[in-house]
Amino acid sequence: MLKKLLKYDLKWCYKPLIVFYILAIFFSIITRAVESVHQTLILLIIDKICSGIVIAMLINILINCFMRNWARFIKNVYKDESYLTHTLPVSKNKIFLSKILTAIITLLTSFIVIITCLAIVCLNENSWQELKNSLEQSAIFFNSSVFSLIVVLVITIFFEFLFMLISGILGIIIGHKSNNLKTIKSIIIGFGIYMILSAISLSVLYIAGMLNSEIMSIFNNIEVSSNAVKSTMMVGIFVYAIYIFMAYLVSNKLLNKGVNVY
């Protein structure tokens, strides 16, 4: 049953996202093609227009990824489709798990499309060599391989965005416990959860800095060592992983206590 739930959730979320994916990739290719030929005034104008469209599409991909997941959760659990959802022979645990897996998958594919589009638009022979040299220098600075550096960076950014998305879902669940102003309360609570936990993250980092002078250098100095940055990123990944797991458990528990459909 989980597979069927996931199938319909993904289908609902991907309807507009795929359109943005296609448009972003299409205009990325057009931009690259225009930049690869001799530039004239008309081609320069077309290049700037296409570049602007690509940027707009990439921003819309992220925004729509968040909005579609939140909208799907509200529609499927609290509004139009809620009566059908809650009469299905499936537990609320699986319903919620389907929503979280949908959020992870759509966010991951959105990341892949964004990186692909940026690579199409920005990477040529010269820029690729510059990027390669920069990554190699950074890897030497951090005393790690280029692959490890890229993986850590991607995981850190991905966990940050996933944390934002799940904070919004937790805000929706708490906000919809009330009898009025559900949407406004959901937004305020979701934003509040994200900001409070972000402040706690800084506090955790500061406490870690009290035990590790290199981490503390981030708060005290402009120039920091590679070990300080590396330690900070690892602490960040660890903290975000805990937040995501705890938000999942709390959201799941609250959802199992019952929902107020409308």
C-alpha atoms as a PDB file:
ATOM      1  CA  MET A   1       0.000   0.000   0.000  1.00  0.00           C
ATOM      2  CA  LEU A   2       2.914   2.320   0.700  1.00  0.00           C
ATOM      3  CA  LYS A   3       4.024   2.004  -2.936  1.00  0.00           C
ATOM      4  CA  LYS A   4       0.582   3.094  -4.152  1.00  0.00           C
ATOM      5  CA  LEU A   5       0.499   6.048  -1.760  1.00  0.00           C
ATOM      6  CA  LEU A   6       3.982   7.072  -2.837  1.00  0.00           C
ATOM      7  CA  LYS A   7       3.047   6.710  -6.509  1.00  0.00           C
ATOM      8  CA  TYR A   8       0.071   9.089  -6.208  1.00  0.00           C
ATOM      9  CA  ASP A   9       1.944  11.557  -4.013  1.00  0.00           C
ATOM     10  CA  LEU A  10       4.864  11.713  -6.455  1.00  0.00           C
ATOM     11  CA  LYS A  11       2.535  12.010  -9.431  1.00  0.00           C
ATOM     12  CA  TRP A  12       0.705  14.943  -7.812  1.00  0.00           C
ATOM     13  CA  CYS A  13       3.915  16.760  -6.845  1.00  0.00           C
ATOM     14  CA  TYR A  14       5.733  16.142 -10.125  1.00  0.00           C
ATOM     15  CA  LYS A  15       2.963  17.509 -12.399  1.00  0.00           C
ATOM     16  CA  PRO A  16       4.174  21.127 -12.272  1.00  0.00           C
ATOM     17  CA  LEU A  17       7.750  20.287 -11.315  1.00  0.00           C
ATOM     18  CA  ILE A  18       8.398  18.336 -14.515  1.00  0.00           C
ATOM     19  CA  VAL A  19       7.266  21.361 -16.530  1.00  0.00           C
ATOM     20  CA  PHE A  20       9.820  23.523 -14.718  1.00  0.00           C
ATOM     21  CA  TYR A  21      12.471  20.803 -15.135  1.00  0.00           C
ATOM     22  CA  ILE A  22      11.912  20.684 -18.902  1.00  0.00           C
ATOM     23  CA  LEU A  23      11.833  24.477 -19.274  1.00  0.00           C
ATOM     24  CA  ALA A  24      14.975  24.928 -17.170  1.00  0.00           C
ATOM     25  CA  ILE A  25      16.934  22.322 -19.146  1.00  0.00           C
ATOM     26  CA  PHE A  26      15.601  23.642 -22.487  1.00  0.00           C
ATOM     27  CA  PHE A  27      16.604  27.261 -21.825  1.00  0.00           C
ATOM     28  CA  SER A  28      19.933  26.103 -20.356  1.00  0.00           C
ATOM     29  CA  ILE A  29      20.709  24.365 -23.644  1.00  0.00           C
ATOM     30  CA  ILE A  30      19.563  27.433 -25.629  1.00  0.00           C
ATOM     31  CA  THR A  31      21.748  29.695 -23.479  1.00  0.00           C
ATOM     32  CA  ARG A  32      24.761  27.450 -23.967  1.00  0.00           C
ATOM     33  CA  ALA A  33      24.134  27.223 -27.727  1.00  0.00           C
ATOM     34  CA  VAL A  34      23.847  31.014 -28.054  1.00  0.00           C
ATOM     35  CA  GLU A  35      27.034  31.580 -26.041  1.00  0.00           C
ATOM     36  CA  SER A  36      28.967  29.092 -28.171  1.00  0.00           C
ATOM     37  CA  VAL A  37      28.631  31.134 -31.381  1.00  0.00           C
ATOM     38  CA  HIS A  38      30.002  34.519 -32.387  1.00  0.00           C
ATOM     39  CA  GLN A  39      28.256  37.187 -30.326  1.00  0.00           C
ATOM     40  CA  THR A  40      26.209  39.924 -31.960  1.00  0.00           C
ATOM     41  CA  LEU A  41      23.930  42.462 -30.321  1.00  0.00           C
ATOM     42  CA  ILE A  42      20.820  40.361 -31.014  1.00  0.00           C
ATOM     43  CA  LEU A  43      22.463  37.170 -29.756  1.00  0.00           C
ATOM     44  CA  LEU A  44      23.705  39.004 -26.663  1.00  0.00           C
ATOM     45  CA  ILE A  45      20.152  40.148 -25.895  1.00  0.00           C
ATOM     46  CA  ILE A  46      18.824  36.615 -26.451  1.00  0.00           C
ATOM     47  CA  ASP A  47      21.585  35.272 -24.207  1.00  0.00           C
ATOM     48  CA  LYS A  48      20.662  37.644 -21.350  1.00  0.00           C
ATOM     49  CA  ILE A  49      16.951  36.841 -21.711  1.00  0.00           C
ATOM     50  CA  CYS A  50      17.577  33.085 -21.705  1.00  0.00           C
ATOM     51  CA  SER A  51      19.961  33.383 -18.756  1.00  0.00           C
ATOM     52  CA  GLY A  52      17.306  35.289 -16.812  1.00  0.00           C
ATOM     53  CA  ILE A  53      14.709  32.638 -17.657  1.00  0.00           C
ATOM     54  CA  VAL A  54      17.053  29.870 -16.495  1.00  0.00           C
ATOM     55  CA  ILE A  55      17.611  31.618 -13.161  1.00  0.00           C
ATOM     56  CA  ALA A  56      13.859  32.144 -12.774  1.00  0.00           C
ATOM     57  CA  MET A  57      13.176  28.476 -13.574  1.00  0.00           C
ATOM     58  CA  LEU A  58      15.756  27.254 -11.053  1.00  0.00           C
ATOM     59  CA  ILE A  59      14.286  29.446  -8.322  1.00  0.00           C
ATOM     60  CA  ASN A  60      10.791  28.258  -9.251  1.00  0.00           C
ATOM     61  CA  ILE A  61      11.909  24.635  -9.072  1.00  0.00           C
ATOM     62  CA  LEU A  62      12.928  25.045  -5.425  1.00  0.00           C
ATOM     63  CA  ILE A  63       9.895  27.121  -4.484  1.00  0.00           C
ATOM     64  CA  ASN A  64       7.476  24.726  -6.188  1.00  0.00           C
ATOM     65  CA  CYS A  65       9.188  21.717  -4.649  1.00  0.00           C
ATOM     66  CA  PHE A  66       8.465  23.147  -1.197  1.00  0.00           C
ATOM     67  CA  MET A  67       4.995  24.466  -1.982  1.00  0.00           C
ATOM     68  CA  ARG A  68       3.771  21.311  -3.752  1.00  0.00           C
ATOM     69  CA  ASN A  69       4.879  19.075  -0.892  1.00  0.00           C
ATOM     70  CA  TRP A  70       3.223  21.294   1.696  1.00  0.00           C
ATOM     71  CA  ALA A  71       0.080  21.695  -0.424  1.00  0.00           C
ATOM     72  CA  ARG A  72      -0.104  17.941  -1.018  1.00  0.00           C
ATOM     73  CA  PHE A  73       0.139  17.298   2.703  1.00  0.00           C
ATOM     74  CA  ILE A  74      -2.675  19.741   3.520  1.00  0.00           C
ATOM     75  CA  LYS A  75      -4.923  18.617   0.668  1.00  0.00           C
ATOM     76  CA  ASN A  76      -4.418  14.906   1.284  1.00  0.00           C
ATOM     77  CA  VAL A  77      -4.518  14.907   5.094  1.00  0.00           C
ATOM     78  CA  TYR A  78      -6.778  17.821   6.025  1.00  0.00           C
ATOM     79  CA  LYS A  79      -8.832  19.033   3.057  1.00  0.00           C
ATOM     80  CA  ASP A  80     -10.420  17.726  -0.164  1.00  0.00           C
ATOM     81  CA  GLU A  81      -8.906  14.251  -0.211  1.00  0.00           C
ATOM     82  CA  SER A  82      -8.739  13.746   3.563  1.00  0.00           C
ATOM     83  CA  TYR A  83     -11.928  11.696   3.908  1.00  0.00           C
ATOM     84  CA  LEU A  84     -10.707   9.222   1.292  1.00  0.00           C
ATOM     85  CA  THR A  85      -7.197   9.178   2.746  1.00  0.00           C
ATOM     86  CA  HIS A  86      -8.337   8.388   6.284  1.00  0.00           C
ATOM     87  CA  THR A  87     -10.704   5.624   5.165  1.00  0.00           C
ATOM     88  CA  LEU A  88      -7.983   3.717   3.337  1.00  0.00           C
ATOM     89  CA  PRO A  89      -6.849   0.429   4.923  1.00  0.00           C
ATOM     90  CA  VAL A  90      -3.485   1.914   5.804  1.00  0.00           C
ATOM     91  CA  SER A  91      -2.016   3.361   8.981  1.00  0.00           C
ATOM     92  CA  LYS A  92      -1.266   7.040   9.485  1.00  0.00           C
ATOM     93  CA  ASN A  93       2.394   6.020   9.873  1.00  0.00           C
ATOM     94  CA  LYS A  94       2.507   4.873   6.255  1.00  0.00           C
ATOM     95  CA  ILE A  95       0.549   7.918   5.057  1.00  0.00           C
ATOM     96  CA  PHE A  96       3.077  10.203   6.731  1.00  0.00           C
ATOM     97  CA  LEU A  97       6.049   8.117   5.574  1.00  0.00           C
ATOM     98  CA  SER A  98       4.802   8.441   2.001  1.00  0.00           C
ATOM     99  CA  LYS A  99       4.733  12.232   2.344  1.00  0.00           C
ATOM    100  CA  ILE A 100       8.275  12.335   3.762  1.00  0.00           C
ATOM    101  CA  LEU A 101       9.640  10.019   1.062  1.00  0.00           C
ATOM    102  CA  THR A 102       7.927  12.193  -1.557  1.00  0.00           C
ATOM    103  CA  ALA A 103       9.577  15.284  -0.069  1.00  0.00           C
ATOM    104  CA  ILE A 104      13.016  13.615  -0.104  1.00  0.00           C
ATOM    105  CA  ILE A 105      12.665  12.299  -3.668  1.00  0.00           C
ATOM    106  CA  THR A 106      11.316  15.526  -5.176  1.00  0.00           C
ATOM    107  CA  LEU A 107      13.937  17.617  -3.384  1.00  0.00           C
ATOM    108  CA  LEU A 108      16.688  15.270  -4.568  1.00  0.00           C
ATOM    109  CA  THR A 109      15.565  15.344  -8.210  1.00  0.00           C
ATOM    110  CA  SER A 110      15.215  19.131  -8.015  1.00  0.00           C
ATOM    111  CA  PHE A 111      18.819  19.349  -6.792  1.00  0.00           C
ATOM    112  CA  ILE A 112      19.965  17.131  -9.666  1.00  0.00           C
ATOM    113  CA  VAL A 113      18.128  19.253 -12.256  1.00  0.00           C
ATOM    114  CA  ILE A 114      19.489  22.513 -10.794  1.00  0.00           C
ATOM    115  CA  ILE A 115      23.077  21.197 -10.802  1.00  0.00           C
ATOM    116  CA  THR A 116      22.614  19.865 -14.358  1.00  0.00           C
ATOM    117  CA  CYS A 117      21.300  23.211 -15.618  1.00  0.00           C
ATOM    118  CA  LEU A 118      24.116  25.142 -13.953  1.00  0.00           C
ATOM    119  CA  ALA A 119      26.629  22.742 -15.508  1.00  0.00           C
ATOM    120  CA  ILE A 120      25.083  23.187 -18.974  1.00  0.00           C
ATOM    121  CA  VAL A 121      25.071  26.993 -18.737  1.00  0.00           C
ATOM    122  CA  CYS A 122      28.331  27.650 -16.895  1.00  0.00           C
ATOM    123  CA  LEU A 123      30.753  24.872 -17.727  1.00  0.00           C
ATOM    124  CA  ASN A 124      32.914  25.189 -20.799  1.00  0.00           C
ATOM    125  CA  GLU A 125      36.491  24.055 -21.300  1.00  0.00           C
ATOM    126  CA  ASN A 126      37.973  27.039 -19.461  1.00  0.00           C
ATOM    127  CA  SER A 127      35.463  27.214 -16.611  1.00  0.00           C
ATOM    128  CA  TRP A 128      35.626  23.435 -16.118  1.00  0.00           C
ATOM    129  CA  GLN A 129      39.408  23.636 -15.740  1.00  0.00           C
ATOM    130  CA  GLU A 130      39.032  26.535 -13.282  1.00  0.00           C
ATOM    131  CA  LEU A 131      36.431  24.604 -11.287  1.00  0.00           C
ATOM    132  CA  LYS A 132      38.605  21.500 -11.295  1.00  0.00           C
ATOM    133  CA  ASN A 133      41.606  23.489 -10.063  1.00  0.00           C
ATOM    134  CA  SER A 134      39.506  25.193  -7.364  1.00  0.00           C
ATOM    135  CA  LEU A 135      38.141  21.865  -6.137  1.00  0.00           C
ATOM    136  CA  GLU A 136      41.612  20.325  -6.095  1.00  0.00           C
ATOM    137  CA  GLN A 137      42.989  23.287  -4.136  1.00  0.00           C
ATOM    138  CA  SER A 138      40.052  23.132  -1.725  1.00  0.00           C
ATOM    139  CA  ALA A 139      40.557  19.389  -1.300  1.00  0.00           C
ATOM    140  CA  ILE A 140      44.223  19.994  -0.461  1.00  0.00           C
ATOM    141  CA  PHE A 141      43.209  22.743   1.983  1.00  0.00           C
ATOM    142  CA  PHE A 142      40.734  20.415   3.712  1.00  0.00           C
ATOM    143  CA  ASN A 143      43.115  17.462   3.474  1.00  0.00           C
ATOM    144  CA  SER A 144      40.530  15.306   1.695  1.00  0.00           C
ATOM    145  CA  SER A 145      39.695  14.024  -1.762  1.00  0.00           C
ATOM    146  CA  VAL A 146      37.687  16.089  -4.247  1.00  0.00           C
ATOM    147  CA  PHE A 147      34.914  13.488  -4.172  1.00  0.00           C
ATOM    148  CA  SER A 148      34.668  13.595  -0.362  1.00  0.00           C
ATOM    149  CA  LEU A 149      34.566  17.388  -0.416  1.00  0.00           C
ATOM    150  CA  ILE A 150      31.727  17.459  -2.959  1.00  0.00           C
ATOM    151  CA  VAL A 151      29.761  14.788  -1.074  1.00  0.00           C
ATOM    152  CA  VAL A 152      30.018  16.670   2.239  1.00  0.00           C
ATOM    153  CA  LEU A 153      28.988  19.960   0.614  1.00  0.00           C
ATOM    154  CA  VAL A 154      25.996  18.397  -1.167  1.00  0.00           C
ATOM    155  CA  ILE A 155      24.834  16.532   1.960  1.00  0.00           C
ATOM    156  CA  THR A 156      25.114  19.689   4.091  1.00  0.00           C
ATOM    157  CA  ILE A 157      23.066  21.788   1.655  1.00  0.00           C
ATOM    158  CA  PHE A 158      20.545  18.986   1.046  1.00  0.00           C
ATOM    159  CA  PHE A 159      19.993  18.439   4.782  1.00  0.00           C
ATOM    160  CA  GLU A 160      19.505  22.183   5.255  1.00  0.00           C
ATOM    161  CA  PHE A 161      16.725  22.312   2.657  1.00  0.00           C
ATOM    162  CA  LEU A 162      15.165  19.041   3.849  1.00  0.00           C
ATOM    163  CA  PHE A 163      15.131  20.425   7.382  1.00  0.00           C
ATOM    164  CA  MET A 164      13.297  23.524   6.118  1.00  0.00           C
ATOM    165  CA  LEU A 165      10.751  21.360   4.297  1.00  0.00           C
ATOM    166  CA  ILE A 166      10.061  19.085   7.275  1.00  0.00           C
ATOM    167  CA  SER A 167       9.872  22.088   9.630  1.00  0.00           C
ATOM    168  CA  GLY A 168       7.072  23.361   7.406  1.00  0.00           C
ATOM    169  CA  ILE A 169       5.263  20.016   7.615  1.00  0.00           C
ATOM    170  CA  LEU A 170       5.564  19.998  11.413  1.00  0.00           C
ATOM    171  CA  GLY A 171       4.223  23.559  11.432  1.00  0.00           C
ATOM    172  CA  ILE A 172       1.248  22.442   9.325  1.00  0.00           C
ATOM    173  CA  ILE A 173       0.448  19.584  11.721  1.00  0.00           C
ATOM    174  CA  ILE A 174       0.606  21.803  14.819  1.00  0.00           C
ATOM    175  CA  GLY A 175      -1.199  24.696  13.112  1.00  0.00           C
ATOM    176  CA  HIS A 176      -4.052  22.461  11.989  1.00  0.00           C
ATOM    177  CA  LYS A 177      -4.684  21.345  15.542  1.00  0.00           C
ATOM    178  CA  SER A 178      -6.427  24.690  16.115  1.00  0.00           C
ATOM    179  CA  ASN A 179      -9.965  25.508  15.032  1.00  0.00           C
ATOM    180  CA  ASN A 180      -9.281  28.768  13.209  1.00  0.00           C
ATOM    181  CA  LEU A 181      -6.554  30.589  11.258  1.00  0.00           C
ATOM    182  CA  LYS A 182      -4.989  27.211  10.462  1.00  0.00           C
ATOM    183  CA  THR A 183      -2.930  28.405   7.495  1.00  0.00           C
ATOM    184  CA  ILE A 184      -1.536  31.502   9.207  1.00  0.00           C
ATOM    185  CA  LYS A 185      -0.685  29.559  12.346  1.00  0.00           C
ATOM    186  CA  SER A 186       0.953  26.816  10.284  1.00  0.00           C
ATOM    187  CA  ILE A 187       3.210  29.354   8.539  1.00  0.00           C
ATOM    188  CA  ILE A 188       4.157  31.117  11.781  1.00  0.00           C
ATOM    189  CA  ILE A 189       4.780  27.882  13.676  1.00  0.00           C
ATOM    190  CA  GLY A 190       6.751  26.288  10.834  1.00  0.00           C
ATOM    191  CA  PHE A 191       8.935  29.387  10.447  1.00  0.00           C
ATOM    192  CA  GLY A 192       9.313  29.616  14.227  1.00  0.00           C
ATOM    193  CA  ILE A 193      10.436  25.976  14.488  1.00  0.00           C
ATOM    194  CA  TYR A 194      13.028  26.516  11.784  1.00  0.00           C
ATOM    195  CA  MET A 195      14.393  29.719  13.355  1.00  0.00           C
ATOM    196  CA  ILE A 196      14.453  28.354  16.911  1.00  0.00           C
ATOM    197  CA  LEU A 197      16.234  25.147  15.908  1.00  0.00           C
ATOM    198  CA  SER A 198      18.667  27.156  13.756  1.00  0.00           C
ATOM    199  CA  ALA A 199      19.473  29.276  16.819  1.00  0.00           C
ATOM    200  CA  ILE A 200      19.963  26.096  18.835  1.00  0.00           C
ATOM    201  CA  SER A 201      22.318  24.851  16.102  1.00  0.00           C
ATOM    202  CA  LEU A 202      24.487  27.934  16.569  1.00  0.00           C
ATOM    203  CA  SER A 203      24.439  27.338  20.319  1.00  0.00           C
ATOM    204  CA  VAL A 204      25.499  23.713  19.818  1.00  0.00           C
ATOM    205  CA  LEU A 205      28.280  24.883  17.516  1.00  0.00           C
ATOM    206  CA  TYR A 206      29.398  27.408  20.125  1.00  0.00           C
ATOM    207  CA  ILE A 207      29.406  24.738  22.845  1.00  0.00           C
ATOM    208  CA  ALA A 208      31.430  22.485  20.547  1.00  0.00           C
ATOM    209  CA  GLY A 209      33.778  25.441  20.081  1.00  0.00           C
ATOM    210  CA  MET A 210      34.305  25.612  23.853  1.00  0.00           C
ATOM    211  CA  LEU A 211      35.641  22.059  23.632  1.00  0.00           C
ATOM    212  CA  ASN A 212      37.509  22.581  20.369  1.00  0.00           C
ATOM    213  CA  SER A 213      39.549  25.761  19.860  1.00  0.00           C
ATOM    214  CA  GLU A 214      39.559  25.336  16.067  1.00  0.00           C
ATOM    215  CA  ILE A 215      35.738  25.453  15.927  1.00  0.00           C
ATOM    216  CA  MET A 216      35.744  28.458  18.271  1.00  0.00           C
ATOM    217  CA  SER A 217      37.955  30.291  15.759  1.00  0.00           C
ATOM    218  CA  ILE A 218      34.851  30.622  13.541  1.00  0.00           C
ATOM    219  CA  PHE A 219      33.336  32.915  16.165  1.00  0.00           C
ATOM    220  CA  ASN A 220      36.562  34.752  17.069  1.00  0.00           C
ATOM    221  CA  ASN A 221      38.541  35.132  13.827  1.00  0.00           C
ATOM    222  CA  ILE A 222      38.001  36.149  10.212  1.00  0.00           C
ATOM    223  CA  GLU A 223      40.504  33.597   8.936  1.00  0.00           C
ATOM    224  CA  VAL A 224      39.830  30.039  10.070  1.00  0.00           C
ATOM    225  CA  SER A 225      41.682  26.773   9.579  1.00  0.00           C
ATOM    226  CA  SER A 226      40.583  23.968   7.289  1.00  0.00           C
ATOM    227  CA  ASN A 227      39.972  21.722  10.302  1.00  0.00           C
ATOM    228  CA  ALA A 228      37.622  24.318  11.770  1.00  0.00           C
ATOM    229  CA  VAL A 229      35.524  24.476   8.601  1.00  0.00           C
ATOM    230  CA  LYS A 230      35.571  20.688   8.234  1.00  0.00           C
ATOM    231  CA  SER A 231      34.521  20.172  11.872  1.00  0.00           C
ATOM    232  CA  THR A 232      31.767  22.767  11.506  1.00  0.00           C
ATOM    233  CA  MET A 233      30.333  21.046   8.438  1.00  0.00           C
ATOM    234  CA  MET A 234      30.391  17.638  10.154  1.00  0.00           C
ATOM    235  CA  VAL A 235      28.689  19.071  13.241  1.00  0.00           C
ATOM    236  CA  GLY A 236      26.134  20.713  10.960  1.00  0.00           C
ATOM    237  CA  ILE A 237      25.338  17.446   9.177  1.00  0.00           C
ATOM    238  CA  PHE A 238      25.031  15.622  12.506  1.00  0.00           C
ATOM    239  CA  VAL A 239      22.749  18.276  14.012  1.00  0.00           C
ATOM    240  CA  TYR A 240      20.524  18.490  10.926  1.00  0.00           C
ATOM    241  CA  ALA A 241      20.223  14.694  10.837  1.00  0.00           C
ATOM    242  CA  ILE A 242      19.041  14.725  14.470  1.00  0.00           C
ATOM    243  CA  TYR A 243      16.590  17.576  13.766  1.00  0.00           C
ATOM    244  CA  ILE A 244      15.120  15.794  10.746  1.00  0.00           C
ATOM    245  CA  PHE A 245      14.754  12.534  12.663  1.00  0.00           C
ATOM    246  CA  MET A 246      13.192  14.233  15.713  1.00  0.00           C
ATOM    247  CA  ALA A 247      10.853  16.328  13.543  1.00  0.00           C
ATOM    248  CA  TYR A 248       9.758  13.129  11.802  1.00  0.00           C
ATOM    249  CA  LEU A 249       9.045  11.364  15.111  1.00  0.00           C
ATOM    250  CA  VAL A 250       7.176  14.344  16.616  1.00  0.00           C
ATOM    251  CA  SER A 251       5.150  14.944  13.443  1.00  0.00           C
ATOM    252  CA  ASN A 252       4.252  11.270  13.167  1.00  0.00           C
ATOM    253  CA  LYS A 253       3.177  11.115  16.827  1.00  0.00           C
ATOM    254  CA  LEU A 254       1.033  14.257  16.546  1.00  0.00           C
ATOM    255  CA  LEU A 255      -0.559  12.983  13.344  1.00  0.00           C
ATOM    256  CA  ASN A 256      -1.460   9.685  15.001  1.00  0.00           C
ATOM    257  CA  LYS A 257      -3.287  11.550  17.767  1.00  0.00           C
ATOM    258  CA  GLY A 258      -5.895  12.578  15.210  1.00  0.00           C
ATOM    259  CA  VAL A 259      -6.532  15.260  12.592  1.00  0.00           C
ATOM    260  CA  ASN A 260      -9.143  17.987  12.217  1.00  0.00           C
ATOM    261  CA  VAL A 261     -10.335  17.674   8.625  1.00  0.00           C
ATOM    262  CA  TYR A 262     -12.204  20.551   6.980  1.00  0.00           C
END
